[in-house]
Amino acid sequence: MSGDAKQLIETAAKTFLEEVPALKPMKVVVAFDLTGGRSDLQQFRLQLPELTVTKDIGADARIRVAMRREFFNLMVEHGARVADWREAFHDGKAKATGVEQYLKLILTVVEKQEERDRLRRPKHPGGTKPPGGH
């Protein structure tokens, strides 16, 4: 089962970095604590930018992400986007702790990417004017 988790963590990281390419060169170790039943805890270490995932406590991690294993699996299997991660953290279904500078940097870069994405979307597809527009 841990092999599946390693693959899911790698998939989640790739998807996240595709959406926020400015974070691709960032050098950081992220620990994932995935909880299952009462005493079931699986710990993984993700090293960026190499995208190396190992089953490890992640003692050298600068960021630690904790969440329920089932919820993590569902998110990744359904193609979780940055907005989904933001919602999971906001709703308390996922928690990130660690070095404040890293957490703030990631949040700032994500917010800037979301703003760029909003500005890129065409306001009126096909170049049509809005109803009632002249």
C-alpha atoms as a PDB file:
ATOM      1  CA  MET A   1       0.000   0.000   0.000  1.00  0.00           C
ATOM      2  CA  SER A   2       2.905   2.391   0.674  1.00  0.00           C
ATOM      3  CA  GLY A   3       3.956   2.034  -2.969  1.00  0.00           C
ATOM      4  CA  ASP A   4       0.586   3.467  -3.943  1.00  0.00           C
ATOM      5  CA  ALA A   5       1.043   6.371  -1.527  1.00  0.00           C
ATOM      6  CA  LYS A   6       4.498   7.122  -2.910  1.00  0.00           C
ATOM      7  CA  GLN A   7       3.085   7.235  -6.439  1.00  0.00           C
ATOM      8  CA  LEU A   8       0.153   9.412  -5.338  1.00  0.00           C
ATOM      9  CA  ILE A   9       2.480  11.879  -3.592  1.00  0.00           C
ATOM     10  CA  GLU A  10       4.623  12.091  -6.722  1.00  0.00           C
ATOM     11  CA  THR A  11       1.512  12.604  -8.880  1.00  0.00           C
ATOM     12  CA  ALA A  12       0.195  15.293  -6.527  1.00  0.00           C
ATOM     13  CA  ALA A  13       3.536  17.128  -6.588  1.00  0.00           C
ATOM     14  CA  LYS A  14       3.779  16.972 -10.396  1.00  0.00           C
ATOM     15  CA  THR A  15       0.228  18.265 -10.829  1.00  0.00           C
ATOM     16  CA  PHE A  16       0.815  21.076  -8.322  1.00  0.00           C
ATOM     17  CA  LEU A  17       4.078  22.127  -9.971  1.00  0.00           C
ATOM     18  CA  GLU A  18       2.503  22.059 -13.444  1.00  0.00           C
ATOM     19  CA  GLU A  19      -0.074  24.539 -12.178  1.00  0.00           C
ATOM     20  CA  VAL A  20       2.489  26.665 -10.340  1.00  0.00           C
ATOM     21  CA  PRO A  21       5.653  26.372 -12.476  1.00  0.00           C
ATOM     22  CA  ALA A  22       7.436  29.151 -10.581  1.00  0.00           C
ATOM     23  CA  LEU A  23       7.872  26.680  -7.689  1.00  0.00           C
ATOM     24  CA  LYS A  24       9.531  23.969  -9.838  1.00  0.00           C
ATOM     25  CA  PRO A  25      13.149  24.991  -9.037  1.00  0.00           C
ATOM     26  CA  MET A  26      12.507  25.345  -5.279  1.00  0.00           C
ATOM     27  CA  LYS A  27      14.783  23.183  -3.145  1.00  0.00           C
ATOM     28  CA  VAL A  28      12.843  21.902  -0.168  1.00  0.00           C
ATOM     29  CA  VAL A  29      12.005  18.680   1.648  1.00  0.00           C
ATOM     30  CA  VAL A  30       8.331  18.108   2.462  1.00  0.00           C
ATOM     31  CA  ALA A  31       7.181  15.421   4.881  1.00  0.00           C
ATOM     32  CA  PHE A  32       3.765  13.829   4.435  1.00  0.00           C
ATOM     33  CA  ASP A  33       2.006  12.317   7.446  1.00  0.00           C
ATOM     34  CA  LEU A  34      -0.915  10.260   6.182  1.00  0.00           C
ATOM     35  CA  THR A  35      -3.145   8.871   8.918  1.00  0.00           C
ATOM     36  CA  GLY A  36      -5.479   5.933   8.546  1.00  0.00           C
ATOM     37  CA  GLY A  37      -7.108   4.048  11.394  1.00  0.00           C
ATOM     38  CA  ARG A  38      -6.571   4.706  15.081  1.00  0.00           C
ATOM     39  CA  SER A  39      -2.811   4.204  15.180  1.00  0.00           C
ATOM     40  CA  ASP A  40      -2.036   3.921  11.471  1.00  0.00           C
ATOM     41  CA  LEU A  41       0.447   6.575  10.371  1.00  0.00           C
ATOM     42  CA  GLN A  42       2.418   6.445   7.155  1.00  0.00           C
ATOM     43  CA  GLN A  43       5.226   8.948   6.736  1.00  0.00           C
ATOM     44  CA  PHE A  44       6.848   9.981   3.489  1.00  0.00           C
ATOM     45  CA  ARG A  45       9.593  12.370   2.429  1.00  0.00           C
ATOM     46  CA  LEU A  46       9.325  14.367  -0.796  1.00  0.00           C
ATOM     47  CA  GLN A  47      12.475  16.068  -2.024  1.00  0.00           C
ATOM     48  CA  LEU A  48      12.124  18.900  -4.510  1.00  0.00           C
ATOM     49  CA  PRO A  49      13.017  19.777  -7.201  1.00  0.00           C
ATOM     50  CA  GLU A  50      14.008  16.148  -7.917  1.00  0.00           C
ATOM     51  CA  LEU A  51      10.534  14.812  -7.030  1.00  0.00           C
ATOM     52  CA  THR A  52      12.007  11.938  -5.029  1.00  0.00           C
ATOM     53  CA  VAL A  53       9.512  10.229  -2.707  1.00  0.00           C
ATOM     54  CA  THR A  54      10.671   7.800  -0.034  1.00  0.00           C
ATOM     55  CA  LYS A  55       8.988   6.132   2.919  1.00  0.00           C
ATOM     56  CA  ASP A  56      10.740   8.097   5.629  1.00  0.00           C
ATOM     57  CA  ILE A  57       9.943  10.198   8.693  1.00  0.00           C
ATOM     58  CA  GLY A  58      11.298  13.290   6.910  1.00  0.00           C
ATOM     59  CA  ALA A  59      13.351  14.542   9.845  1.00  0.00           C
ATOM     60  CA  ASP A  60      15.039  17.104   7.567  1.00  0.00           C
ATOM     61  CA  ALA A  61      11.727  18.430   6.205  1.00  0.00           C
ATOM     62  CA  ARG A  62      11.126  22.183   6.198  1.00  0.00           C
ATOM     63  CA  ILE A  63       7.390  21.648   5.619  1.00  0.00           C
ATOM     64  CA  ARG A  64       5.144  18.932   7.029  1.00  0.00           C
ATOM     65  CA  VAL A  65       1.741  18.160   5.513  1.00  0.00           C
ATOM     66  CA  ALA A  66      -0.691  16.071   7.560  1.00  0.00           C
ATOM     67  CA  MET A  67      -4.008  14.653   6.432  1.00  0.00           C
ATOM     68  CA  ARG A  68      -6.206  11.568   6.376  1.00  0.00           C
ATOM     69  CA  ARG A  69      -4.950   8.942   3.953  1.00  0.00           C
ATOM     70  CA  GLU A  70      -8.408   8.293   2.454  1.00  0.00           C
ATOM     71  CA  PHE A  71      -8.966  12.000   1.798  1.00  0.00           C
ATOM     72  CA  PHE A  72      -5.517  12.382   0.228  1.00  0.00           C
ATOM     73  CA  ASN A  73      -6.117   9.360  -2.020  1.00  0.00           C
ATOM     74  CA  LEU A  74      -9.483  10.718  -3.188  1.00  0.00           C
ATOM     75  CA  MET A  75      -8.078  14.170  -3.881  1.00  0.00           C
ATOM     76  CA  VAL A  76      -5.193  12.905  -5.978  1.00  0.00           C
ATOM     77  CA  GLU A  77      -7.199  10.214  -7.775  1.00  0.00           C
ATOM     78  CA  HIS A  78      -9.718  12.893  -8.793  1.00  0.00           C
ATOM     79  CA  GLY A  79      -6.985  15.165 -10.160  1.00  0.00           C
ATOM     80  CA  ALA A  80      -6.733  17.671  -7.299  1.00  0.00           C
ATOM     81  CA  ARG A  81      -5.869  21.164  -8.486  1.00  0.00           C
ATOM     82  CA  VAL A  82      -4.343  24.021  -6.495  1.00  0.00           C
ATOM     83  CA  ALA A  83      -7.846  25.305  -5.660  1.00  0.00           C
ATOM     84  CA  ASP A  84      -8.709  21.894  -4.173  1.00  0.00           C
ATOM     85  CA  TRP A  85      -5.591  21.978  -1.990  1.00  0.00           C
ATOM     86  CA  ARG A  86      -6.404  25.518  -0.882  1.00  0.00           C
ATOM     87  CA  GLU A  87      -9.906  24.384   0.117  1.00  0.00           C
ATOM     88  CA  ALA A  88      -8.561  21.329   1.971  1.00  0.00           C
ATOM     89  CA  PHE A  89      -6.214  23.519   4.028  1.00  0.00           C
ATOM     90  CA  HIS A  90      -8.920  26.130   4.610  1.00  0.00           C
ATOM     91  CA  ASP A  91     -11.437  23.491   5.755  1.00  0.00           C
ATOM     92  CA  GLY A  92      -8.907  21.833   8.075  1.00  0.00           C
ATOM     93  CA  LYS A  93      -8.825  18.567   6.109  1.00  0.00           C
ATOM     94  CA  ALA A  94      -5.123  19.139   5.517  1.00  0.00           C
ATOM     95  CA  LYS A  95      -2.608  20.924   7.690  1.00  0.00           C
ATOM     96  CA  ALA A  96       0.776  22.368   6.766  1.00  0.00           C
ATOM     97  CA  THR A  97       3.363  23.300   9.371  1.00  0.00           C
ATOM     98  CA  GLY A  98       7.003  24.171   9.189  1.00  0.00           C
ATOM     99  CA  VAL A  99       9.370  27.004   8.417  1.00  0.00           C
ATOM    100  CA  GLU A 100       7.219  30.113   8.100  1.00  0.00           C
ATOM    101  CA  GLN A 101       9.317  31.621   5.278  1.00  0.00           C
ATOM    102  CA  TYR A 102       8.708  28.547   3.091  1.00  0.00           C
ATOM    103  CA  LEU A 103       4.988  28.473   3.842  1.00  0.00           C
ATOM    104  CA  LYS A 104       4.629  32.203   3.084  1.00  0.00           C
ATOM    105  CA  LEU A 105       6.705  31.929  -0.100  1.00  0.00           C
ATOM    106  CA  ILE A 106       4.571  29.067  -1.430  1.00  0.00           C
ATOM    107  CA  LEU A 107       1.340  30.895  -0.600  1.00  0.00           C
ATOM    108  CA  THR A 108       2.563  34.104  -2.274  1.00  0.00           C
ATOM    109  CA  VAL A 109       3.683  32.286  -5.438  1.00  0.00           C
ATOM    110  CA  VAL A 110       0.391  30.348  -5.608  1.00  0.00           C
ATOM    111  CA  GLU A 111      -1.641  33.561  -5.193  1.00  0.00           C
ATOM    112  CA  LYS A 112       0.334  35.287  -7.955  1.00  0.00           C
ATOM    113  CA  GLN A 113      -0.177  32.300 -10.277  1.00  0.00           C
ATOM    114  CA  GLU A 114      -3.913  32.273  -9.556  1.00  0.00           C
ATOM    115  CA  GLU A 115      -4.069  35.994 -10.340  1.00  0.00           C
ATOM    116  CA  ARG A 116      -2.201  35.461 -13.643  1.00  0.00           C
ATOM    117  CA  ASP A 117      -4.606  32.645 -14.501  1.00  0.00           C
ATOM    118  CA  ARG A 118      -7.612  34.891 -13.776  1.00  0.00           C
ATOM    119  CA  LEU A 119      -6.210  37.669 -15.979  1.00  0.00           C
ATOM    120  CA  ARG A 120      -5.562  35.233 -18.854  1.00  0.00           C
ATOM    121  CA  ARG A 121      -9.151  34.025 -19.078  1.00  0.00           C
ATOM    122  CA  PRO A 122     -11.115  35.766 -21.807  1.00  0.00           C
ATOM    123  CA  LYS A 123     -13.889  37.857 -20.353  1.00  0.00           C
ATOM    124  CA  HIS A 124     -16.193  37.317 -23.338  1.00  0.00           C
ATOM    125  CA  PRO A 125     -15.483  34.166 -25.320  1.00  0.00           C
ATOM    126  CA  GLY A 126     -15.419  34.551 -29.084  1.00  0.00           C
ATOM    127  CA  GLY A 127     -14.956  38.279 -28.846  1.00  0.00           C
ATOM    128  CA  THR A 128     -18.681  38.901 -28.436  1.00  0.00           C
ATOM    129  CA  LYS A 129     -19.951  41.851 -26.505  1.00  0.00           C
ATOM    130  CA  PRO A 130     -21.808  41.302 -23.253  1.00  0.00           C
ATOM    131  CA  PRO A 131     -25.617  41.432 -23.468  1.00  0.00           C
ATOM    132  CA  GLY A 132     -26.737  45.026 -23.715  1.00  0.00           C
ATOM    133  CA  GLY A 133     -23.218  46.162 -24.616  1.00  0.00           C
ATOM    134  CA  HIS A 134     -22.573  48.571 -27.509  1.00  0.00           C
END
